[in-house]
């Protein structure tokens, strides 16, 4: 009798190869992932055409480049071309039970494209036992970088503050309305860090989140990596701001 494999896709947000021990990071302590890499496949020449979460998920679900579908911008909600099926739909047509991911992809989809389960644990407990399954589970705790490079060897400074910079700005704009959405364990570290972060923002400028910029033009390719260790972020205008370029 033919057996078809079960597939559990685990996604960790914003975790690059540079943050894993199996890829040579001397600071990272990832024994479970290192063991999984030893027993499985470790990619060393894999590249993405859309280095941000939703375009990457769209590529995995469709098997197509983001630029082919026009989904290379974050959460762009593009109308899908006729004939493009998503991976879960193809698997369900082949007899698989599938979960419905709790994260967006850059295409309009119908409910029939995925299974009806959001919670992976509940799905595994109640799934049809006579069917193979495809399940997706996200780990969002790594969504913000934990460490930043300092130029003094391996990562030595916690970058927890970077995860709160935008939150502090939002708190200043929304004040009490914002704080009602914070749990107690979030407010305590924020309360201690707010004065220091406000001073850092005023003295050194606003920081951009790790996602930006989404795509680089050829003219500015490589500049982001060169500036990754700097404190401030710079954005590039795609329009001519003077007649110098036209001379």
Protein backbone atom coordinates (compact mmCIF):
# COMPACT_ATOMS: atom_id res chain seq x y z
CA UNK A 1 0.00 0.00 0.00
CA UNK A 2 1.35 3.43 -0.94
CA UNK A 3 2.08 5.72 1.98
CA UNK A 4 2.14 9.49 1.63
CA UNK A 5 4.16 11.59 4.05
CA UNK A 6 2.69 13.96 6.57
CA UNK A 7 4.14 17.47 6.36
CA UNK A 8 4.49 19.98 9.19
CA UNK A 9 5.76 23.36 7.99
CA UNK A 10 7.20 25.42 10.86
CA UNK A 11 7.94 29.07 10.12
CA UNK A 12 10.11 31.28 12.32
CA UNK A 13 9.84 34.96 11.53
CA UNK A 14 12.88 37.05 10.64
CA UNK A 15 15.33 34.26 11.45
CA UNK A 16 18.13 34.39 8.93
CA UNK A 17 20.91 31.84 8.52
CA UNK A 18 23.14 34.22 10.43
CA UNK A 19 21.11 33.56 13.59
CA UNK A 20 21.54 29.76 13.72
CA UNK A 21 24.33 27.67 15.14
CA UNK A 22 24.17 25.15 12.30
CA UNK A 23 25.18 27.96 9.94
CA UNK A 24 28.21 28.91 12.00
CA UNK A 25 26.88 31.57 14.35
CA UNK A 26 29.06 31.29 17.45
CA UNK A 27 26.61 33.25 19.61
CA UNK A 28 23.39 31.43 18.75
CA UNK A 29 22.40 28.49 20.96
CA UNK A 30 20.05 26.44 18.79
CA UNK A 31 20.73 22.76 19.63
CA UNK A 32 17.37 21.44 18.42
CA UNK A 33 17.59 23.18 15.07
CA UNK A 34 21.22 22.12 14.75
CA UNK A 35 20.23 18.50 15.33
CA UNK A 36 17.42 18.81 12.79
CA UNK A 37 19.93 20.20 10.28
CA UNK A 38 22.24 17.23 10.86
CA UNK A 39 19.40 14.80 10.17
CA UNK A 40 17.87 16.68 7.26
CA UNK A 41 18.86 19.16 4.59
CA UNK A 42 20.71 22.42 5.20
CA UNK A 43 20.58 24.89 2.33
CA UNK A 44 23.66 27.00 1.69
CA UNK A 45 22.79 28.56 -1.67
CA UNK A 46 19.10 29.40 -1.26
CA UNK A 47 17.97 32.91 -2.12
CA UNK A 48 14.68 34.75 -1.98
CA UNK A 49 13.21 37.05 -4.59
CA UNK A 50 11.10 38.84 -1.98
CA UNK A 51 12.96 39.13 1.35
CA UNK A 52 9.97 39.75 3.57
CA UNK A 53 7.40 37.45 5.13
CA UNK A 54 4.23 37.63 3.01
CA UNK A 55 5.92 37.57 -0.44
CA UNK A 56 7.99 34.59 0.70
CA UNK A 57 4.90 32.72 1.92
CA UNK A 58 3.15 33.49 -1.35
CA UNK A 59 6.06 31.98 -3.29
CA UNK A 60 5.98 28.80 -1.23
CA UNK A 61 2.21 28.45 -1.62
CA UNK A 62 2.28 29.06 -5.37
CA UNK A 63 5.75 27.91 -6.46
CA UNK A 64 6.16 31.19 -8.35
CA UNK A 65 8.43 34.21 -8.03
CA UNK A 66 6.83 37.25 -6.34
CA UNK A 67 7.73 39.40 -9.32
CA UNK A 68 5.90 36.98 -11.62
CA UNK A 69 2.66 37.38 -9.66
CA UNK A 70 3.19 41.01 -8.69
CA UNK A 71 3.22 40.06 -5.00
CA UNK A 72 6.64 41.40 -4.10
CA UNK A 73 5.26 44.23 -1.95
CA UNK A 74 4.21 43.39 1.59
CA UNK A 75 0.50 42.54 1.87
CA UNK A 76 -0.30 43.66 -1.63
CA UNK A 77 -3.49 41.55 -2.04
CA UNK A 78 -3.10 40.83 -5.75
CA UNK A 79 -5.79 39.19 -7.87
CA UNK A 80 -4.49 35.72 -8.65
CA UNK A 81 -4.13 34.78 -12.32
CA UNK A 82 -6.40 32.04 -13.62
CA UNK A 83 -4.92 28.59 -13.28
CA UNK A 84 -2.66 29.37 -10.32
CA UNK A 85 -3.50 26.94 -7.53
CA UNK A 86 -2.22 27.14 -3.99
CA UNK A 87 -0.31 24.24 -2.49
CA UNK A 88 -2.95 23.36 0.15
CA UNK A 89 -5.67 23.23 -2.52
CA UNK A 90 -3.62 20.85 -4.66
CA UNK A 91 -2.91 18.66 -1.63
CA UNK A 92 -6.57 18.58 -0.61
CA UNK A 93 -7.47 17.57 -4.15
CA UNK A 94 -5.05 14.68 -3.65
CA UNK A 95 -6.70 13.54 -0.42
CA UNK A 96 -4.73 15.51 2.19
CA UNK A 97 -6.18 17.20 5.25
CA UNK A 98 -4.80 20.75 5.55
CA UNK A 99 -4.75 23.56 8.06
CA UNK A 100 -5.71 27.14 7.38
CA UNK A 101 -2.73 29.42 8.14
CA UNK A 102 -3.27 32.34 10.47
CA UNK A 103 -1.01 34.53 8.37
CA UNK A 104 -1.61 36.44 5.20
CA UNK A 105 -0.37 35.83 1.71
CA UNK A 106 -0.38 38.45 -1.01
CA UNK A 107 -3.27 37.00 -2.99
CA UNK A 108 -7.02 37.08 -2.64
CA UNK A 109 -8.08 33.56 -1.70
CA UNK A 110 -11.36 31.86 -0.95
CA UNK A 111 -12.17 29.67 2.02
CA UNK A 112 -12.01 26.63 -0.21
CA UNK A 113 -8.29 27.17 -0.77
CA UNK A 114 -7.36 25.93 2.70
CA UNK A 115 -8.59 23.57 5.34
CA UNK A 116 -10.90 24.74 8.11
CA UNK A 117 -8.46 24.44 11.03
CA UNK A 118 -6.49 27.40 12.39
CA UNK A 119 -4.97 25.76 15.47
CA UNK A 120 -2.34 23.15 14.65
CA UNK A 121 -2.64 21.29 17.96
CA UNK A 122 -6.39 21.04 17.60
CA UNK A 123 -5.98 19.93 14.01
CA UNK A 124 -3.55 17.15 14.91
CA UNK A 125 -5.88 15.90 17.65
CA UNK A 126 -9.06 15.88 15.55
CA UNK A 127 -7.84 15.37 11.98
CA UNK A 128 -9.13 12.43 9.93
CA UNK A 129 -6.79 9.58 10.78
CA UNK A 130 -7.26 7.96 7.37
CA UNK A 131 -5.75 10.94 5.54
CA UNK A 132 -2.23 12.32 5.33
CA UNK A 133 -1.92 15.92 6.47
CA UNK A 134 -0.22 19.19 5.63
CA UNK A 135 -0.05 21.60 8.57
CA UNK A 136 1.42 25.07 8.93
CA UNK A 137 2.57 26.52 12.23
CA UNK A 138 4.24 29.87 12.88
CA UNK A 139 6.61 30.83 15.67
CA UNK A 140 6.35 34.58 16.02
CA UNK A 141 8.67 35.08 18.99
CA UNK A 142 11.59 35.72 16.63
CA UNK A 143 9.74 38.37 14.65
CA UNK A 144 11.95 41.11 16.07
CA UNK A 145 15.71 40.65 16.10
CA UNK A 146 17.04 39.78 19.54
CA UNK A 147 20.60 40.87 18.97
CA UNK A 148 22.31 43.50 16.88
CA UNK A 149 25.80 43.53 15.47
CA UNK A 150 28.09 45.97 17.22
CA UNK A 151 31.26 45.88 15.14
CA UNK A 152 33.07 44.44 18.16
CA UNK A 153 33.08 40.75 17.31
CA UNK A 154 29.98 38.62 17.78
CA UNK A 155 26.69 40.11 18.87
CA UNK A 156 27.23 41.55 22.31
CA UNK A 157 24.35 43.95 22.83
CA UNK A 158 20.74 42.98 23.31
CA UNK A 159 18.56 44.64 20.72
CA UNK A 160 15.37 44.30 22.70
CA UNK A 161 15.15 48.08 22.48
CA UNK A 162 14.89 47.85 18.70
CA UNK A 163 11.72 45.83 19.05
CA UNK A 164 10.18 48.58 21.14
CA UNK A 165 11.18 51.67 19.21
CA UNK A 166 8.10 51.74 17.02
CA UNK A 167 5.97 50.80 20.03
CA UNK A 168 7.27 53.79 21.96
CA UNK A 169 6.47 56.13 19.09
CA UNK A 170 3.00 54.63 18.81
CA UNK A 171 2.50 55.02 22.55
CA UNK A 172 3.40 58.68 22.32
CA UNK A 173 0.86 59.15 19.54
CA UNK A 174 -1.97 57.13 21.04
CA UNK A 175 -1.13 57.36 24.75
CA UNK A 176 -3.76 55.65 26.92
CA UNK A 177 -5.59 54.04 24.01
CA UNK A 178 -2.40 52.22 23.08
CA UNK A 179 -1.59 51.06 26.60
CA UNK A 180 -4.94 49.29 26.91
CA UNK A 181 -3.63 46.77 24.39
CA UNK A 182 -0.51 45.93 26.43
CA UNK A 183 -0.42 43.12 28.95
CA UNK A 184 1.21 43.56 32.34
CA UNK A 185 4.37 41.68 31.41
CA UNK A 186 4.79 44.01 28.42
CA UNK A 187 4.27 47.19 30.39
CA UNK A 188 6.92 46.55 33.06
CA UNK A 189 9.94 46.38 30.71
CA UNK A 190 8.47 49.14 28.59
CA UNK A 191 8.07 51.41 31.62
CA UNK A 192 11.74 50.99 32.46
CA UNK A 193 12.94 51.51 28.91
CA UNK A 194 10.74 54.39 27.80
CA UNK A 195 12.99 57.23 29.08
CA UNK A 196 16.13 55.69 27.59
CA UNK A 197 14.44 54.95 24.29
CA UNK A 198 12.94 58.40 23.98
CA UNK A 199 16.39 59.89 24.52
CA UNK A 200 17.89 57.56 21.93
CA UNK A 201 15.21 58.45 19.40
CA UNK A 202 15.69 62.18 19.93
CA UNK A 203 19.49 62.00 19.80
CA UNK A 204 20.03 59.49 17.03
CA UNK A 205 16.92 59.49 14.88
CA UNK A 206 14.22 56.93 14.28
CA UNK A 207 15.08 53.34 13.55
CA UNK A 208 13.33 51.39 10.81
CA UNK A 209 12.06 47.87 11.48
CA UNK A 210 14.06 44.92 10.21
CA UNK A 211 11.74 44.45 7.22
CA UNK A 212 12.75 47.63 5.41
CA UNK A 213 13.51 48.28 2.67
CA UNK A 214 11.54 45.55 0.91
CA UNK A 215 13.28 45.76 -2.46
CA UNK A 216 16.33 47.61 -3.74
CA UNK A 217 16.83 49.07 -7.17
CA UNK A 218 20.03 48.27 -9.04
CA UNK A 219 21.30 51.76 -8.39
CA UNK A 220 21.29 51.20 -4.64
CA UNK A 221 21.94 47.44 -4.46
CA UNK A 222 24.25 46.47 -1.61
CA UNK A 223 23.94 49.73 0.27
CA UNK A 224 21.61 48.22 2.87
CA UNK A 225 24.09 45.53 3.89
CA UNK A 226 26.82 48.14 4.09
CA UNK A 227 24.69 50.20 6.47
CA UNK A 228 23.24 47.32 8.49
CA UNK A 229 25.51 48.00 11.45
CA UNK A 230 24.67 51.69 11.60
CA UNK A 231 22.16 53.13 14.00
CA UNK A 232 20.02 55.32 11.77
CA UNK A 233 18.11 54.24 8.70
CA UNK A 234 18.01 56.07 5.38
CA UNK A 235 15.34 55.84 2.73
CA UNK A 236 15.78 56.49 -0.98
CA UNK A 237 13.36 58.47 -3.15
CA UNK A 238 12.57 56.85 -6.49
CA UNK A 239 11.89 60.20 -8.16
CA UNK A 240 14.38 62.78 -9.38
CA UNK A 241 14.70 65.49 -6.73
CA UNK A 242 16.82 67.84 -8.85
CA UNK A 243 17.96 68.42 -12.42
CA UNK A 244 21.45 67.13 -11.67
CA UNK A 245 20.51 63.58 -12.75
CA UNK A 246 19.16 64.90 -16.03
CA UNK A 247 22.31 66.80 -17.01
